[in-house]
């Protein structure tokens, strides 16, 4: 549970830094997201989740 809370906090901190450091870039990304089809958004979400799972596995298995 500690790792889950830590990971969520890290995710929010990084995302918050992106919005604070580059608000105009984040607005452009949101505008692009509106133009994308639901299927493209779904595929990108699956890709991101898969990459995240691989990174978690690599970190847990090899970076101790």
N, C-alpha and C. Protein backbone atom coordinates (compact mmCIF):
# COMPACT_ATOMS: atom_id res chain seq x y z
N UNK A 1 0.83 -1.19 0.00
CA UNK A 1 0.00 0.00 0.00
C UNK A 1 0.87 1.26 0.00
N UNK A 2 1.98 1.17 0.74
CA UNK A 2 2.90 2.30 0.80
C UNK A 2 3.43 2.65 -0.58
N UNK A 3 3.77 1.62 -1.36
CA UNK A 3 4.30 1.84 -2.71
C UNK A 3 3.25 2.44 -3.62
N UNK A 4 2.01 1.99 -3.48
CA UNK A 4 0.92 2.53 -4.30
C UNK A 4 0.70 4.01 -4.01
N UNK A 5 0.68 4.39 -2.75
CA UNK A 5 0.49 5.79 -2.38
C UNK A 5 1.68 6.63 -2.84
N UNK A 6 2.88 6.09 -2.68
CA UNK A 6 4.08 6.78 -3.15
C UNK A 6 4.03 7.01 -4.66
N UNK A 7 3.64 5.97 -5.40
CA UNK A 7 3.57 6.06 -6.86
C UNK A 7 2.53 7.08 -7.31
N UNK A 8 1.37 7.07 -6.66
CA UNK A 8 0.33 8.04 -6.99
C UNK A 8 0.80 9.46 -6.70
N UNK A 9 1.47 9.66 -5.59
CA UNK A 9 2.01 10.98 -5.27
C UNK A 9 3.05 11.43 -6.28
N UNK A 10 3.90 10.52 -6.70
CA UNK A 10 4.91 10.86 -7.71
C UNK A 10 4.26 11.22 -9.03
N UNK A 11 3.24 10.46 -9.43
CA UNK A 11 2.50 10.76 -10.66
C UNK A 11 1.89 12.15 -10.60
N UNK A 12 1.23 12.48 -9.51
CA UNK A 12 0.60 13.80 -9.37
C UNK A 12 1.64 14.92 -9.34
N UNK A 13 2.77 14.68 -8.70
CA UNK A 13 3.83 15.70 -8.64
C UNK A 13 4.39 15.98 -10.03
N UNK A 14 4.66 14.94 -10.79
CA UNK A 14 5.21 15.13 -12.15
C UNK A 14 4.19 15.81 -13.04
N UNK A 15 2.94 15.37 -12.97
CA UNK A 15 1.91 16.00 -13.80
C UNK A 15 1.73 17.47 -13.40
N UNK A 16 1.74 17.74 -12.12
CA UNK A 16 1.62 19.13 -11.66
C UNK A 16 2.77 19.99 -12.15
N UNK A 17 3.97 19.42 -12.16
CA UNK A 17 5.13 20.17 -12.67
C UNK A 17 4.98 20.48 -14.15
N UNK A 18 4.43 19.54 -14.92
CA UNK A 18 4.20 19.79 -16.34
C UNK A 18 3.24 20.96 -16.55
N UNK A 19 2.15 20.97 -15.80
CA UNK A 19 1.19 22.07 -15.92
C UNK A 19 1.79 23.40 -15.46
N UNK A 20 2.62 23.37 -14.42
CA UNK A 20 3.23 24.60 -13.92
C UNK A 20 4.32 25.12 -14.85
N UNK A 21 5.11 24.22 -15.42
CA UNK A 21 6.24 24.64 -16.23
C UNK A 21 5.86 24.98 -17.67
N UNK A 22 4.83 24.31 -18.20
CA UNK A 22 4.50 24.51 -19.61
C UNK A 22 2.98 24.52 -19.82
N UNK A 23 2.29 25.53 -19.29
CA UNK A 23 0.83 25.53 -19.41
C UNK A 23 0.34 25.63 -20.86
N UNK A 24 1.04 26.38 -21.70
CA UNK A 24 0.62 26.49 -23.09
C UNK A 24 0.77 25.16 -23.84
N UNK A 25 1.84 24.45 -23.55
CA UNK A 25 2.04 23.13 -24.15
C UNK A 25 0.92 22.19 -23.72
N UNK A 26 0.54 22.22 -22.46
CA UNK A 26 -0.52 21.34 -21.96
C UNK A 26 -1.86 21.69 -22.61
N UNK A 27 -2.10 22.98 -22.88
CA UNK A 27 -3.33 23.37 -23.58
C UNK A 27 -3.34 22.81 -24.99
N UNK A 28 -2.19 22.86 -25.68
CA UNK A 28 -2.11 22.31 -27.03
C UNK A 28 -2.34 20.79 -27.01
N UNK A 29 -1.81 20.12 -26.01
CA UNK A 29 -2.00 18.67 -25.91
C UNK A 29 -3.47 18.34 -25.66
N UNK A 30 -4.15 19.15 -24.84
CA UNK A 30 -5.58 18.92 -24.59
C UNK A 30 -6.39 19.15 -25.87
N UNK A 31 -6.02 20.16 -26.65
CA UNK A 31 -6.71 20.42 -27.91
C UNK A 31 -6.52 19.25 -28.89
N UNK A 32 -5.31 18.68 -28.92
CA UNK A 32 -5.06 17.53 -29.78
C UNK A 32 -5.87 16.32 -29.32
N UNK A 33 -6.01 16.18 -28.02
CA UNK A 33 -6.77 15.05 -27.48
C UNK A 33 -8.24 15.12 -27.90
N UNK A 34 -8.79 16.32 -27.93
CA UNK A 34 -10.19 16.49 -28.34
C UNK A 34 -10.37 16.07 -29.80
N UNK A 35 -9.37 16.32 -30.63
CA UNK A 35 -9.46 15.98 -32.05
C UNK A 35 -9.25 14.50 -32.34
N UNK A 36 -8.67 13.75 -31.40
CA UNK A 36 -8.38 12.33 -31.62
C UNK A 36 -9.65 11.49 -31.49
N UNK A 37 -9.70 10.40 -32.22
CA UNK A 37 -10.83 9.49 -32.10
C UNK A 37 -10.72 8.71 -30.78
N UNK A 38 -11.85 8.19 -30.34
CA UNK A 38 -11.86 7.40 -29.10
C UNK A 38 -10.97 6.17 -29.23
N UNK A 39 -10.95 5.57 -30.40
CA UNK A 39 -10.12 4.39 -30.61
C UNK A 39 -8.64 4.73 -30.49
N UNK A 40 -8.21 5.85 -31.04
CA UNK A 40 -6.81 6.26 -30.95
C UNK A 40 -6.43 6.56 -29.50
N UNK A 41 -7.33 7.19 -28.76
CA UNK A 41 -7.08 7.48 -27.35
C UNK A 41 -6.96 6.16 -26.58
N UNK A 42 -7.85 5.21 -26.86
CA UNK A 42 -7.82 3.90 -26.20
C UNK A 42 -6.51 3.18 -26.50
N UNK A 43 -6.09 3.18 -27.76
CA UNK A 43 -4.84 2.49 -28.13
C UNK A 43 -3.64 3.12 -27.43
N UNK A 44 -3.62 4.45 -27.38
CA UNK A 44 -2.51 5.13 -26.69
C UNK A 44 -2.54 4.84 -25.19
N UNK A 45 -3.73 4.74 -24.62
CA UNK A 45 -3.84 4.40 -23.20
C UNK A 45 -3.34 3.00 -22.92
N UNK A 46 -3.69 2.05 -23.78
CA UNK A 46 -3.20 0.68 -23.62
C UNK A 46 -1.68 0.63 -23.76
N UNK A 47 -1.15 1.36 -24.74
CA UNK A 47 0.29 1.42 -24.93
C UNK A 47 0.99 2.00 -23.70
N UNK A 48 0.46 3.10 -23.16
CA UNK A 48 1.06 3.72 -21.99
C UNK A 48 0.98 2.81 -20.77
N UNK A 49 -0.16 2.14 -20.58
CA UNK A 49 -0.31 1.23 -19.44
C UNK A 49 0.66 0.05 -19.57
N UNK A 50 0.81 -0.46 -20.78
CA UNK A 50 1.73 -1.59 -21.01
C UNK A 50 3.17 -1.17 -20.74
N UNK A 51 3.55 -0.01 -21.25
CA UNK A 51 4.90 0.49 -21.00
C UNK A 51 5.14 0.70 -19.51
N UNK A 52 4.15 1.25 -18.82
CA UNK A 52 4.26 1.44 -17.38
C UNK A 52 4.43 0.11 -16.65
N UNK A 53 3.67 -0.90 -17.06
CA UNK A 53 3.79 -2.22 -16.42
C UNK A 53 5.18 -2.81 -16.66
N UNK A 54 5.71 -2.66 -17.86
CA UNK A 54 7.06 -3.15 -18.15
C UNK A 54 8.10 -2.42 -17.30
N UNK A 55 7.97 -1.12 -17.18
CA UNK A 55 8.92 -0.34 -16.36
C UNK A 55 8.84 -0.75 -14.90
N UNK A 56 7.64 -0.99 -14.40
CA UNK A 56 7.48 -1.45 -13.02
C UNK A 56 8.15 -2.82 -12.84
N UNK A 57 7.95 -3.72 -13.78
CA UNK A 57 8.56 -5.04 -13.72
C UNK A 57 10.09 -4.93 -13.72
N UNK A 58 10.63 -4.13 -14.63
CA UNK A 58 12.08 -3.96 -14.73
C UNK A 58 12.62 -3.38 -13.43
N UNK A 59 11.94 -2.37 -12.89
CA UNK A 59 12.42 -1.76 -11.65
C UNK A 59 12.38 -2.74 -10.49
N UNK A 60 11.30 -3.51 -10.39
CA UNK A 60 11.16 -4.46 -9.29
C UNK A 60 12.13 -5.64 -9.43
N UNK A 61 12.37 -6.06 -10.65
CA UNK A 61 13.17 -7.27 -10.89
C UNK A 61 14.68 -7.00 -10.94
N UNK A 62 15.07 -5.91 -11.57
CA UNK A 62 16.49 -5.70 -11.86
C UNK A 62 17.14 -4.52 -11.15
N UNK A 63 16.38 -3.62 -10.60
CA UNK A 63 16.98 -2.41 -10.00
C UNK A 63 16.84 -2.41 -8.48
N UNK A 64 17.33 -3.44 -7.85
CA UNK A 64 17.21 -3.52 -6.39
C UNK A 64 18.45 -3.10 -5.71
